[in-house]
């Protein structure tokens, strides 16, 4: 995993930990759609 992808995962985890309850799916949809985290490498949201 390259550093940019690692940073994207860390930022996603922090966002999920700090978001208001119930907004996790919104964050996942927004982040996974634009950052490419989990896309194309077999590491989908289930692996986060």
C-alpha atoms as a PDB file:
ATOM      1  CA  UNK A   1       0.000   0.000   0.000  1.00  0.00           C
ATOM      2  CA  UNK A   2       1.461   3.349  -0.945  1.00  0.00           C
ATOM      3  CA  UNK A   3       1.625   6.302   1.428  1.00  0.00           C
ATOM      4  CA  UNK A   4      -1.150   8.263  -0.285  1.00  0.00           C
ATOM      5  CA  UNK A   5      -3.596   5.341   0.012  1.00  0.00           C
ATOM      6  CA  UNK A   6      -2.550   4.749   3.622  1.00  0.00           C
ATOM      7  CA  UNK A   7      -3.226   8.413   4.439  1.00  0.00           C
ATOM      8  CA  UNK A   8      -6.638   8.157   2.757  1.00  0.00           C
ATOM      9  CA  UNK A   9      -7.523   5.158   4.933  1.00  0.00           C
ATOM     10  CA  UNK A  10      -6.402   6.959   8.094  1.00  0.00           C
ATOM     11  CA  UNK A  11      -8.403  10.066   7.172  1.00  0.00           C
ATOM     12  CA  UNK A  12     -11.473   7.936   6.497  1.00  0.00           C
ATOM     13  CA  UNK A  13     -11.167   6.167   9.845  1.00  0.00           C
ATOM     14  CA  UNK A  14     -10.778   9.469  11.691  1.00  0.00           C
ATOM     15  CA  UNK A  15     -13.799  10.926   9.870  1.00  0.00           C
ATOM     16  CA  UNK A  16     -15.896   7.889  10.795  1.00  0.00           C
ATOM     17  CA  UNK A  17     -14.833   8.030  14.427  1.00  0.00           C
ATOM     18  CA  UNK A  18     -15.624  11.732  14.694  1.00  0.00           C
ATOM     19  CA  UNK A  19     -18.860  11.934  12.707  1.00  0.00           C
ATOM     20  CA  UNK A  20     -22.279  12.332  14.305  1.00  0.00           C
ATOM     21  CA  UNK A  21     -24.112   9.062  14.877  1.00  0.00           C
ATOM     22  CA  UNK A  22     -25.952   7.893  11.787  1.00  0.00           C
ATOM     23  CA  UNK A  23     -23.764   9.693   9.236  1.00  0.00           C
ATOM     24  CA  UNK A  24     -21.298   6.854   8.708  1.00  0.00           C
ATOM     25  CA  UNK A  25     -22.895   5.669   5.468  1.00  0.00           C
ATOM     26  CA  UNK A  26     -22.912   9.199   4.057  1.00  0.00           C
ATOM     27  CA  UNK A  27     -19.207   9.562   4.778  1.00  0.00           C
ATOM     28  CA  UNK A  28     -18.391   6.155   3.321  1.00  0.00           C
ATOM     29  CA  UNK A  29     -20.315   6.882   0.136  1.00  0.00           C
ATOM     30  CA  UNK A  30     -18.694  10.293  -0.308  1.00  0.00           C
ATOM     31  CA  UNK A  31     -15.155   9.156   0.491  1.00  0.00           C
ATOM     32  CA  UNK A  32     -15.171   5.870  -1.372  1.00  0.00           C
ATOM     33  CA  UNK A  33     -16.651   7.489  -4.435  1.00  0.00           C
ATOM     34  CA  UNK A  34     -14.052  10.226  -4.782  1.00  0.00           C
ATOM     35  CA  UNK A  35     -10.862   8.992  -3.110  1.00  0.00           C
ATOM     36  CA  UNK A  36     -10.691   5.538  -4.612  1.00  0.00           C
ATOM     37  CA  UNK A  37     -10.053   4.028  -1.202  1.00  0.00           C
ATOM     38  CA  UNK A  38     -10.976   0.386  -1.513  1.00  0.00           C
ATOM     39  CA  UNK A  39     -11.694   0.634  -5.220  1.00  0.00           C
ATOM     40  CA  UNK A  40     -10.116  -1.770  -7.619  1.00  0.00           C
ATOM     41  CA  UNK A  41      -7.852  -3.540  -5.156  1.00  0.00           C
ATOM     42  CA  UNK A  42     -10.300  -5.993  -3.631  1.00  0.00           C
ATOM     43  CA  UNK A  43     -10.425  -3.947  -0.418  1.00  0.00           C
ATOM     44  CA  UNK A  44     -13.987  -2.708  -0.276  1.00  0.00           C
ATOM     45  CA  UNK A  45     -15.807  -1.011   2.584  1.00  0.00           C
ATOM     46  CA  UNK A  46     -16.169  -4.380   4.306  1.00  0.00           C
ATOM     47  CA  UNK A  47     -12.416  -4.386   4.884  1.00  0.00           C
ATOM     48  CA  UNK A  48     -12.332  -0.956   6.488  1.00  0.00           C
END
